[in-house]
Amino acid sequence: MNTDTLAGAATDLGGKIKEGLGSGTGDKSLRAEGKADQLGGQARQSYGEAKNAVEDTIRPAIDYARQFIHERPFTAAALGGVLGIALINTLRGK
């Protein structure tokens, strides 16, 4: 869990409490504010979860690439050159 996930969950919980208080007291403004807080909290929580998913997916690939470059610098340079030439040819339309 990261801070976005935790903060989103806390905001969502606070929004539920506000909505409950607004419903109990008949205060439509407080109830609407609670619903808005819940929506914001859920959005931030979803952002945090997506951030975790990307981190868990991308980080191993980056670590593997760094290890490959460190262990085989000439092979990595040759591979980078070939990919660069392929990219240039693709952009030129060949």
N, C-alpha and C. Protein backbone atom coordinates (compact mmCIF):
# COMPACT_ATOMS: atom_id res chain seq x y z
N MET A 1 0.84 -1.19 0.00
CA MET A 1 0.00 0.00 0.00
C MET A 1 0.88 1.24 0.00
N ASN A 2 0.41 2.25 -0.72
CA ASN A 2 1.13 3.51 -0.72
C ASN A 2 0.27 4.58 -0.06
N THR A 3 0.80 5.79 0.02
CA THR A 3 0.09 6.86 0.72
C THR A 3 -1.20 7.25 0.01
N ASP A 4 -1.23 7.15 -1.32
CA ASP A 4 -2.46 7.49 -2.04
C ASP A 4 -3.59 6.52 -1.71
N THR A 5 -3.27 5.25 -1.61
CA THR A 5 -4.29 4.25 -1.28
C THR A 5 -4.82 4.49 0.12
N LEU A 6 -3.91 4.73 1.07
CA LEU A 6 -4.34 4.95 2.45
C LEU A 6 -5.12 6.24 2.61
N ALA A 7 -4.64 7.32 1.99
CA ALA A 7 -5.35 8.60 2.09
C ALA A 7 -6.72 8.52 1.43
N GLY A 8 -6.81 7.81 0.31
CA GLY A 8 -8.10 7.63 -0.35
C GLY A 8 -9.08 6.86 0.50
N ALA A 9 -8.59 5.82 1.16
CA ALA A 9 -9.46 5.03 2.04
C ALA A 9 -9.94 5.88 3.22
N ALA A 10 -9.05 6.71 3.77
CA ALA A 10 -9.42 7.57 4.89
C ALA A 10 -10.44 8.62 4.46
N THR A 11 -10.26 9.20 3.30
CA THR A 11 -11.21 10.19 2.79
C THR A 11 -12.56 9.55 2.52
N ASP A 12 -12.55 8.35 1.97
CA ASP A 12 -13.79 7.62 1.72
C ASP A 12 -14.53 7.35 3.03
N LEU A 13 -13.79 6.92 4.04
CA LEU A 13 -14.40 6.65 5.34
C LEU A 13 -14.97 7.93 5.94
N GLY A 14 -14.21 9.02 5.86
CA GLY A 14 -14.71 10.30 6.37
C GLY A 14 -15.97 10.74 5.64
N GLY A 15 -16.01 10.49 4.35
CA GLY A 15 -17.20 10.83 3.57
C GLY A 15 -18.41 10.01 3.98
N LYS A 16 -18.19 8.75 4.30
CA LYS A 16 -19.30 7.91 4.75
C LYS A 16 -19.83 8.41 6.09
N ILE A 17 -18.93 8.84 6.95
CA ILE A 17 -19.35 9.37 8.25
C ILE A 17 -20.15 10.66 8.05
N LYS A 18 -19.65 11.55 7.20
CA LYS A 18 -20.37 12.80 6.92
C LYS A 18 -21.76 12.51 6.33
N GLU A 19 -21.80 11.57 5.40
CA GLU A 19 -23.09 11.25 4.79
C GLU A 19 -24.05 10.71 5.84
N GLY A 20 -23.55 9.86 6.72
CA GLY A 20 -24.39 9.31 7.78
C GLY A 20 -24.89 10.38 8.73
N LEU A 21 -24.02 11.31 9.09
CA LEU A 21 -24.43 12.41 9.96
C LEU A 21 -25.45 13.30 9.26
N GLY A 22 -25.22 13.55 7.97
CA GLY A 22 -26.16 14.36 7.21
C GLY A 22 -27.52 13.70 7.08
N SER A 23 -27.52 12.40 6.90
CA SER A 23 -28.79 11.67 6.82
C SER A 23 -29.51 11.68 8.17
N GLY A 24 -28.71 11.50 9.23
CA GLY A 24 -29.30 11.45 10.57
C GLY A 24 -29.87 12.78 11.02
N THR A 25 -29.21 13.85 10.65
CA THR A 25 -29.67 15.18 11.07
C THR A 25 -30.57 15.85 10.04
N GLY A 26 -30.68 15.27 8.87
CA GLY A 26 -31.51 15.86 7.82
C GLY A 26 -30.81 16.99 7.08
N ASP A 27 -29.50 17.10 7.23
CA ASP A 27 -28.71 18.15 6.58
C ASP A 27 -28.29 17.68 5.19
N LYS A 28 -28.98 18.17 4.18
CA LYS A 28 -28.71 17.74 2.80
C LYS A 28 -27.33 18.19 2.34
N SER A 29 -26.88 19.34 2.81
CA SER A 29 -25.57 19.87 2.43
C SER A 29 -24.45 18.96 2.95
N LEU A 30 -24.54 18.55 4.20
CA LEU A 30 -23.53 17.67 4.79
C LEU A 30 -23.56 16.30 4.12
N ARG A 31 -24.75 15.84 3.79
CA ARG A 31 -24.89 14.55 3.11
C ARG A 31 -24.23 14.59 1.73
N ALA A 32 -24.47 15.68 0.98
CA ALA A 32 -23.88 15.82 -0.35
C ALA A 32 -22.36 15.96 -0.24
N GLU A 33 -21.90 16.69 0.76
CA GLU A 33 -20.45 16.83 0.97
C GLU A 33 -19.82 15.47 1.28
N GLY A 34 -20.52 14.66 2.05
CA GLY A 34 -20.03 13.32 2.35
C GLY A 34 -19.93 12.44 1.11
N LYS A 35 -20.92 12.54 0.25
CA LYS A 35 -20.88 11.76 -1.00
C LYS A 35 -19.74 12.22 -1.89
N ALA A 36 -19.53 13.54 -1.94
CA ALA A 36 -18.42 14.08 -2.74
C ALA A 36 -17.08 13.60 -2.18
N ASP A 37 -16.95 13.60 -0.86
CA ASP A 37 -15.71 13.11 -0.24
C ASP A 37 -15.48 11.63 -0.54
N GLN A 38 -16.56 10.86 -0.53
CA GLN A 38 -16.44 9.44 -0.86
C GLN A 38 -15.95 9.26 -2.28
N LEU A 39 -16.50 10.02 -3.20
CA LEU A 39 -16.10 9.91 -4.60
C LEU A 39 -14.63 10.27 -4.77
N GLY A 40 -14.21 11.35 -4.13
CA GLY A 40 -12.80 11.75 -4.19
C GLY A 40 -11.89 10.72 -3.56
N GLY A 41 -12.31 10.17 -2.44
CA GLY A 41 -11.52 9.14 -1.77
C GLY A 41 -11.39 7.88 -2.59
N GLN A 42 -12.49 7.48 -3.23
CA GLN A 42 -12.44 6.28 -4.06
C GLN A 42 -11.55 6.49 -5.28
N ALA A 43 -11.60 7.71 -5.84
CA ALA A 43 -10.74 8.00 -6.99
C ALA A 43 -9.27 7.96 -6.59
N ARG A 44 -8.94 8.54 -5.44
CA ARG A 44 -7.55 8.54 -5.00
C ARG A 44 -7.09 7.13 -4.64
N GLN A 45 -7.98 6.36 -4.06
CA GLN A 45 -7.65 4.97 -3.72
C GLN A 45 -7.41 4.16 -5.00
N SER A 46 -8.23 4.36 -6.02
CA SER A 46 -8.03 3.67 -7.30
C SER A 46 -6.72 4.08 -7.95
N TYR A 47 -6.39 5.37 -7.86
CA TYR A 47 -5.11 5.85 -8.39
C TYR A 47 -3.95 5.15 -7.67
N GLY A 48 -4.03 5.04 -6.36
CA GLY A 48 -2.98 4.37 -5.60
C GLY A 48 -2.84 2.90 -5.97
N GLU A 49 -3.96 2.24 -6.18
CA GLU A 49 -3.92 0.83 -6.56
C GLU A 49 -3.32 0.66 -7.96
N ALA A 50 -3.67 1.56 -8.88
CA ALA A 50 -3.11 1.52 -10.23
C ALA A 50 -1.61 1.78 -10.19
N LYS A 51 -1.22 2.71 -9.35
CA LYS A 51 0.20 3.03 -9.18
C LYS A 51 0.97 1.81 -8.67
N ASN A 52 0.38 1.09 -7.72
CA ASN A 52 1.01 -0.14 -7.22
C ASN A 52 1.11 -1.19 -8.32
N ALA A 53 0.06 -1.34 -9.11
CA ALA A 53 0.07 -2.35 -10.17
C ALA A 53 1.15 -2.05 -11.21
N VAL A 54 1.27 -0.78 -11.58
CA VAL A 54 2.31 -0.40 -12.54
C VAL A 54 3.69 -0.63 -11.95
N GLU A 55 3.86 -0.25 -10.71
CA GLU A 55 5.15 -0.43 -10.03
C GLU A 55 5.52 -1.91 -9.97
N ASP A 56 4.55 -2.76 -9.66
CA ASP A 56 4.82 -4.19 -9.57
C ASP A 56 5.10 -4.82 -10.92
N THR A 57 4.56 -4.24 -11.99
CA THR A 57 4.74 -4.78 -13.33
C THR A 57 6.00 -4.25 -13.99
N ILE A 58 6.23 -2.97 -13.91
CA ILE A 58 7.32 -2.31 -14.61
C ILE A 58 8.66 -2.49 -13.90
N ARG A 59 8.66 -2.42 -12.58
CA ARG A 59 9.92 -2.46 -11.83
C ARG A 59 10.76 -3.69 -12.15
N PRO A 60 10.21 -4.91 -12.21
CA PRO A 60 11.05 -6.07 -12.55
C PRO A 60 11.67 -5.97 -13.95
N ALA A 61 10.93 -5.42 -14.91
CA ALA A 61 11.47 -5.28 -16.27
C ALA A 61 12.62 -4.28 -16.29
N ILE A 62 12.49 -3.20 -15.57
CA ILE A 62 13.57 -2.20 -15.50
C ILE A 62 14.79 -2.79 -14.81
N ASP A 63 14.56 -3.51 -13.72
CA ASP A 63 15.68 -4.14 -13.02
C ASP A 63 16.41 -5.15 -13.90
N TYR A 64 15.63 -5.93 -14.68
CA TYR A 64 16.24 -6.90 -15.58
C TYR A 64 17.05 -6.20 -16.66
N ALA A 65 16.52 -5.12 -17.21
CA ALA A 65 17.25 -4.37 -18.24
C ALA A 65 18.54 -3.79 -17.68
N ARG A 66 18.50 -3.24 -16.48
CA ARG A 66 19.72 -2.70 -15.86
C ARG A 66 20.76 -3.79 -15.63
N GLN A 67 20.31 -4.94 -15.18
CA GLN A 67 21.23 -6.05 -14.95
C GLN A 67 21.84 -6.52 -16.27
N PHE A 68 21.02 -6.62 -17.32
CA PHE A 68 21.50 -7.03 -18.64
C PHE A 68 22.55 -6.05 -19.15
N ILE A 69 22.28 -4.74 -19.04
CA ILE A 69 23.21 -3.72 -19.50
C ILE A 69 24.51 -3.77 -18.71
N HIS A 70 24.41 -4.01 -17.41
CA HIS A 70 25.60 -4.08 -16.56
C HIS A 70 26.45 -5.30 -16.89
N GLU A 71 25.80 -6.44 -17.13
CA GLU A 71 26.52 -7.69 -17.37
C GLU A 71 27.03 -7.80 -18.81
N ARG A 72 26.31 -7.24 -19.79
CA ARG A 72 26.66 -7.35 -21.21
C ARG A 72 26.58 -5.98 -21.89
N PRO A 73 27.52 -5.10 -21.60
CA PRO A 73 27.42 -3.73 -22.15
C PRO A 73 27.53 -3.68 -23.68
N PHE A 74 28.39 -4.50 -24.28
CA PHE A 74 28.55 -4.46 -25.73
C PHE A 74 27.32 -5.02 -26.43
N THR A 75 26.77 -6.08 -25.90
CA THR A 75 25.56 -6.66 -26.47
C THR A 75 24.40 -5.67 -26.35
N ALA A 76 24.32 -4.99 -25.21
CA ALA A 76 23.26 -4.00 -25.01
C ALA A 76 23.41 -2.83 -25.98
N ALA A 77 24.66 -2.39 -26.20
CA ALA A 77 24.90 -1.29 -27.14
C ALA A 77 24.53 -1.71 -28.57
N ALA A 78 24.90 -2.92 -28.95
CA ALA A 78 24.56 -3.41 -30.29
C ALA A 78 23.04 -3.52 -30.45
N LEU A 79 22.38 -4.03 -29.43
CA LEU A 79 20.93 -4.16 -29.47
C LEU A 79 20.28 -2.78 -29.56
N GLY A 80 20.79 -1.82 -28.80
CA GLY A 80 20.28 -0.45 -28.88
C GLY A 80 20.47 0.15 -30.26
N GLY A 81 21.61 -0.11 -30.88
CA GLY A 81 21.86 0.39 -32.24
C GLY A 81 20.91 -0.21 -33.25
N VAL A 82 20.70 -1.51 -33.18
CA VAL A 82 19.78 -2.18 -34.10
C VAL A 82 18.36 -1.65 -33.92
N LEU A 83 17.94 -1.49 -32.68
CA LEU A 83 16.60 -0.96 -32.43
C LEU A 83 16.48 0.49 -32.91
N GLY A 84 17.55 1.26 -32.75
CA GLY A 84 17.55 2.64 -33.24
C GLY A 84 17.42 2.71 -34.75
N ILE A 85 18.17 1.88 -35.45
CA ILE A 85 18.08 1.84 -36.92
C ILE A 85 16.70 1.39 -37.37
N ALA A 86 16.15 0.39 -36.68
CA ALA A 86 14.80 -0.07 -37.02
C ALA A 86 13.78 1.02 -36.80
N LEU A 87 13.92 1.78 -35.74
CA LEU A 87 12.99 2.88 -35.46
C LEU A 87 13.11 3.97 -36.52
N ILE A 88 14.33 4.33 -36.88
CA ILE A 88 14.52 5.36 -37.90
C ILE A 88 13.93 4.90 -39.24
N ASN A 89 14.16 3.65 -39.61
CA ASN A 89 13.59 3.13 -40.87
C ASN A 89 12.07 3.09 -40.83
N THR A 90 11.53 2.78 -39.68
CA THR A 90 10.08 2.75 -39.55
C THR A 90 9.51 4.16 -39.70
N LEU A 91 10.17 5.14 -39.08
CA LEU A 91 9.68 6.51 -39.17
C LEU A 91 9.84 7.08 -40.57
N ARG A 92 10.86 6.62 -41.29
CA ARG A 92 11.08 7.09 -42.65
C ARG A 92 10.16 6.38 -43.65
N GLY A 93 9.53 5.30 -43.24
CA GLY A 93 8.59 4.59 -44.09
C GLY A 93 9.22 3.49 -44.93
N LYS A 94 10.34 2.95 -44.51
CA LYS A 94 11.00 1.88 -45.26
C LYS A 94 10.77 0.55 -44.62
